[in-house]
Amino acid sequence: MKKRTGESRAIHPLALGAAYLEYCVKQGWLAKTGEGDRAQYSLTPAGEKKLANAPLNFDLSKMTSKGDQTKRKRRRRRI
């Protein structure tokens, strides 16, 4: 086994998020559709219960409803 002597290995910051998403899929908290850049994740009923009190910096309910909203028209300024 190789010992590390003070050298640090750089970890890509997005790799941590991807690993957590895969963990949540394995636990049954998220459902994954698609692969690669086209992958989409949705909460399962078990995930809603388990992740409801997770200390995340965003509201999970707003994430799922964002795609359901119709696109608003821009208001033009009158001159």
N, C-alpha and C. Protein backbone atom coordinates (compact mmCIF):
# COMPACT_ATOMS: atom_id res chain seq x y z
N MET A 1 0.84 -1.18 0.00
CA MET A 1 0.00 0.00 0.00
C MET A 1 0.88 1.24 0.00
N LYS A 2 0.52 2.19 -0.81
CA LYS A 2 1.30 3.41 -0.97
C LYS A 2 0.91 4.43 0.09
N LYS A 3 1.90 5.00 0.76
CA LYS A 3 1.62 6.03 1.76
C LYS A 3 1.72 7.40 1.11
N ARG A 4 0.85 8.27 1.53
CA ARG A 4 0.89 9.64 1.03
C ARG A 4 1.71 10.48 1.99
N THR A 5 2.57 11.26 1.44
CA THR A 5 3.42 12.09 2.29
C THR A 5 3.15 13.55 2.01
N GLY A 6 2.06 14.07 2.52
CA GLY A 6 1.77 15.48 2.40
C GLY A 6 1.32 15.96 1.05
N GLU A 7 1.21 15.08 0.07
CA GLU A 7 0.76 15.53 -1.24
C GLU A 7 -0.76 15.56 -1.27
N SER A 8 -1.30 16.57 -1.89
CA SER A 8 -2.76 16.69 -1.97
C SER A 8 -3.22 16.36 -3.37
N ARG A 9 -4.34 15.67 -3.47
CA ARG A 9 -4.91 15.36 -4.77
C ARG A 9 -6.08 16.28 -5.00
N ALA A 10 -6.12 16.88 -6.16
CA ALA A 10 -7.21 17.78 -6.50
C ALA A 10 -8.43 16.95 -6.90
N ILE A 11 -9.59 17.36 -6.41
CA ILE A 11 -10.84 16.69 -6.74
C ILE A 11 -11.72 17.70 -7.48
N HIS A 12 -12.26 17.28 -8.59
CA HIS A 12 -13.16 18.15 -9.35
C HIS A 12 -14.39 18.42 -8.50
N PRO A 13 -14.78 19.69 -8.32
CA PRO A 13 -15.89 20.02 -7.42
C PRO A 13 -17.22 19.41 -7.85
N LEU A 14 -17.44 19.22 -9.14
CA LEU A 14 -18.70 18.64 -9.59
C LEU A 14 -18.77 17.13 -9.33
N ALA A 15 -17.62 16.51 -9.12
CA ALA A 15 -17.59 15.08 -8.85
C ALA A 15 -18.25 14.76 -7.52
N LEU A 16 -18.12 15.64 -6.56
CA LEU A 16 -18.75 15.42 -5.26
C LEU A 16 -20.27 15.44 -5.38
N GLY A 17 -20.79 16.39 -6.14
CA GLY A 17 -22.24 16.46 -6.34
C GLY A 17 -22.75 15.25 -7.10
N ALA A 18 -22.00 14.81 -8.10
CA ALA A 18 -22.40 13.64 -8.88
C ALA A 18 -22.40 12.38 -8.01
N ALA A 19 -21.43 12.27 -7.14
CA ALA A 19 -21.37 11.12 -6.24
C ALA A 19 -22.56 11.12 -5.28
N TYR A 20 -22.94 12.30 -4.79
CA TYR A 20 -24.08 12.38 -3.88
C TYR A 20 -25.38 12.04 -4.61
N LEU A 21 -25.52 12.49 -5.85
CA LEU A 21 -26.72 12.15 -6.62
C LEU A 21 -26.81 10.64 -6.83
N GLU A 22 -25.70 10.00 -7.17
CA GLU A 22 -25.71 8.55 -7.36
C GLU A 22 -26.04 7.82 -6.06
N TYR A 23 -25.54 8.34 -4.94
CA TYR A 23 -25.86 7.76 -3.64
C TYR A 23 -27.36 7.85 -3.37
N CYS A 24 -27.96 9.01 -3.67
CA CYS A 24 -29.40 9.18 -3.45
C CYS A 24 -30.22 8.27 -4.35
N VAL A 25 -29.74 8.02 -5.57
CA VAL A 25 -30.43 7.10 -6.48
C VAL A 25 -30.38 5.69 -5.90
N LYS A 26 -29.21 5.28 -5.40
CA LYS A 26 -29.07 3.93 -4.82
C LYS A 26 -29.93 3.76 -3.58
N GLN A 27 -30.12 4.84 -2.81
CA GLN A 27 -30.96 4.78 -1.62
C GLN A 27 -32.45 4.77 -1.96
N GLY A 28 -32.78 5.13 -3.21
CA GLY A 28 -34.18 5.18 -3.62
C GLY A 28 -34.83 6.52 -3.36
N TRP A 29 -34.04 7.54 -3.07
CA TRP A 29 -34.58 8.87 -2.78
C TRP A 29 -34.79 9.67 -4.05
N LEU A 30 -34.02 9.38 -5.10
CA LEU A 30 -34.14 10.06 -6.38
C LEU A 30 -34.33 9.03 -7.48
N ALA A 31 -35.06 9.41 -8.52
CA ALA A 31 -35.20 8.58 -9.70
C ALA A 31 -34.45 9.27 -10.83
N LYS A 32 -33.62 8.50 -11.55
CA LYS A 32 -32.80 9.05 -12.62
C LYS A 32 -33.35 8.62 -13.97
N THR A 33 -33.49 9.59 -14.87
CA THR A 33 -33.86 9.29 -16.24
C THR A 33 -32.81 9.90 -17.15
N GLY A 34 -32.39 9.16 -18.17
CA GLY A 34 -31.37 9.66 -19.08
C GLY A 34 -29.97 9.36 -18.57
N GLU A 35 -29.01 9.63 -19.43
CA GLU A 35 -27.60 9.39 -19.09
C GLU A 35 -26.76 10.59 -19.49
N GLY A 36 -25.61 10.70 -18.86
CA GLY A 36 -24.65 11.75 -19.21
C GLY A 36 -25.19 13.15 -18.96
N ASP A 37 -24.99 14.03 -19.93
CA ASP A 37 -25.43 15.42 -19.79
C ASP A 37 -26.94 15.55 -19.82
N ARG A 38 -27.63 14.55 -20.33
CA ARG A 38 -29.09 14.58 -20.45
C ARG A 38 -29.79 13.99 -19.23
N ALA A 39 -29.06 13.56 -18.22
CA ALA A 39 -29.66 12.94 -17.04
C ALA A 39 -30.51 13.95 -16.27
N GLN A 40 -31.65 13.46 -15.81
CA GLN A 40 -32.54 14.27 -14.98
C GLN A 40 -32.91 13.46 -13.75
N TYR A 41 -33.05 14.15 -12.63
CA TYR A 41 -33.35 13.50 -11.37
C TYR A 41 -34.67 14.05 -10.84
N SER A 42 -35.48 13.16 -10.28
CA SER A 42 -36.73 13.59 -9.66
C SER A 42 -36.86 12.91 -8.31
N LEU A 43 -37.51 13.59 -7.39
CA LEU A 43 -37.70 13.05 -6.05
C LEU A 43 -38.72 11.93 -6.06
N THR A 44 -38.44 10.89 -5.31
CA THR A 44 -39.40 9.83 -5.08
C THR A 44 -40.16 10.18 -3.80
N PRO A 45 -41.28 9.52 -3.52
CA PRO A 45 -41.98 9.78 -2.25
C PRO A 45 -41.08 9.54 -1.03
N ALA A 46 -40.24 8.51 -1.09
CA ALA A 46 -39.30 8.25 0.01
C ALA A 46 -38.29 9.37 0.12
N GLY A 47 -37.87 9.91 -1.03
CA GLY A 47 -36.91 11.01 -1.03
C GLY A 47 -37.49 12.29 -0.46
N GLU A 48 -38.77 12.53 -0.72
CA GLU A 48 -39.42 13.73 -0.16
C GLU A 48 -39.41 13.68 1.35
N LYS A 49 -39.66 12.49 1.90
CA LYS A 49 -39.66 12.35 3.37
C LYS A 49 -38.25 12.46 3.94
N LYS A 50 -37.31 11.78 3.31
CA LYS A 50 -35.94 11.73 3.84
C LYS A 50 -35.20 13.05 3.67
N LEU A 51 -35.37 13.70 2.52
CA LEU A 51 -34.61 14.92 2.24
C LEU A 51 -35.34 16.20 2.65
N ALA A 52 -36.52 16.07 3.24
CA ALA A 52 -37.29 17.25 3.64
C ALA A 52 -36.54 18.07 4.69
N ASN A 53 -35.82 17.43 5.58
CA ASN A 53 -35.11 18.14 6.65
C ASN A 53 -33.61 18.23 6.39
N ALA A 54 -33.18 17.90 5.19
CA ALA A 54 -31.76 17.97 4.86
C ALA A 54 -31.33 19.44 4.80
N PRO A 55 -30.15 19.76 5.35
CA PRO A 55 -29.69 21.15 5.35
C PRO A 55 -29.14 21.57 3.98
N LEU A 56 -30.01 21.70 3.00
CA LEU A 56 -29.60 22.14 1.67
C LEU A 56 -29.88 23.63 1.54
N ASN A 57 -29.22 24.26 0.61
CA ASN A 57 -29.38 25.70 0.44
C ASN A 57 -30.45 26.06 -0.57
N PHE A 58 -31.36 25.15 -0.85
CA PHE A 58 -32.44 25.44 -1.80
C PHE A 58 -33.68 24.65 -1.40
N ASP A 59 -34.81 25.09 -1.89
CA ASP A 59 -36.09 24.47 -1.58
C ASP A 59 -36.38 23.40 -2.63
N LEU A 60 -36.49 22.15 -2.20
CA LEU A 60 -36.70 21.06 -3.14
C LEU A 60 -38.04 21.16 -3.86
N SER A 61 -39.05 21.72 -3.20
CA SER A 61 -40.36 21.82 -3.84
C SER A 61 -40.33 22.80 -5.01
N LYS A 62 -39.48 23.82 -4.94
CA LYS A 62 -39.38 24.77 -6.05
C LYS A 62 -38.64 24.17 -7.23
N MET A 63 -37.76 23.23 -6.99
CA MET A 63 -37.02 22.61 -8.07
C MET A 63 -37.94 21.79 -8.96
N THR A 64 -38.88 21.07 -8.37
CA THR A 64 -39.74 20.20 -9.17
C THR A 64 -40.82 20.99 -9.89
N SER A 65 -41.22 22.12 -9.35
CA SER A 65 -42.31 22.86 -9.97
C SER A 65 -41.83 23.88 -11.00
N LYS A 66 -40.53 24.10 -11.11
CA LYS A 66 -40.02 25.12 -12.01
C LYS A 66 -40.36 24.82 -13.47
N GLY A 67 -40.25 23.58 -13.88
CA GLY A 67 -40.53 23.21 -15.26
C GLY A 67 -42.01 23.26 -15.60
N ASP A 68 -42.86 23.24 -14.59
CA ASP A 68 -44.29 23.24 -14.83
C ASP A 68 -44.85 24.63 -15.11
N GLN A 69 -44.10 25.65 -14.78
CA GLN A 69 -44.59 27.02 -14.96
C GLN A 69 -44.53 27.42 -16.42
N THR A 70 -45.51 28.22 -16.81
CA THR A 70 -45.49 28.74 -18.18
C THR A 70 -44.53 29.93 -18.23
N LYS A 71 -43.98 30.13 -19.39
CA LYS A 71 -43.02 31.21 -19.56
C LYS A 71 -43.76 32.54 -19.56
N ARG A 72 -43.28 33.46 -18.74
CA ARG A 72 -43.91 34.77 -18.65
C ARG A 72 -43.40 35.67 -19.76
N LYS A 73 -44.30 36.51 -20.25
CA LYS A 73 -43.90 37.47 -21.27
C LYS A 73 -43.25 38.66 -20.60
N ARG A 74 -42.29 39.23 -21.27
CA ARG A 74 -41.62 40.43 -20.76
C ARG A 74 -42.51 41.63 -20.96
N ARG A 75 -42.46 42.51 -20.00
CA ARG A 75 -43.19 43.77 -20.13
C ARG A 75 -42.27 44.80 -20.74
N ARG A 76 -42.76 45.48 -21.72
CA ARG A 76 -41.95 46.51 -22.38
C ARG A 76 -42.18 47.83 -21.68
N ARG A 77 -41.14 48.59 -21.57
CA ARG A 77 -41.22 49.91 -20.95
C ARG A 77 -41.78 50.90 -21.96
N ARG A 78 -42.68 51.71 -21.48
CA ARG A 78 -43.21 52.76 -22.35
C ARG A 78 -42.31 53.98 -22.24
N ILE A 79 -42.08 54.60 -23.34
CA ILE A 79 -41.22 55.79 -23.35
C ILE A 79 -42.07 57.03 -23.58
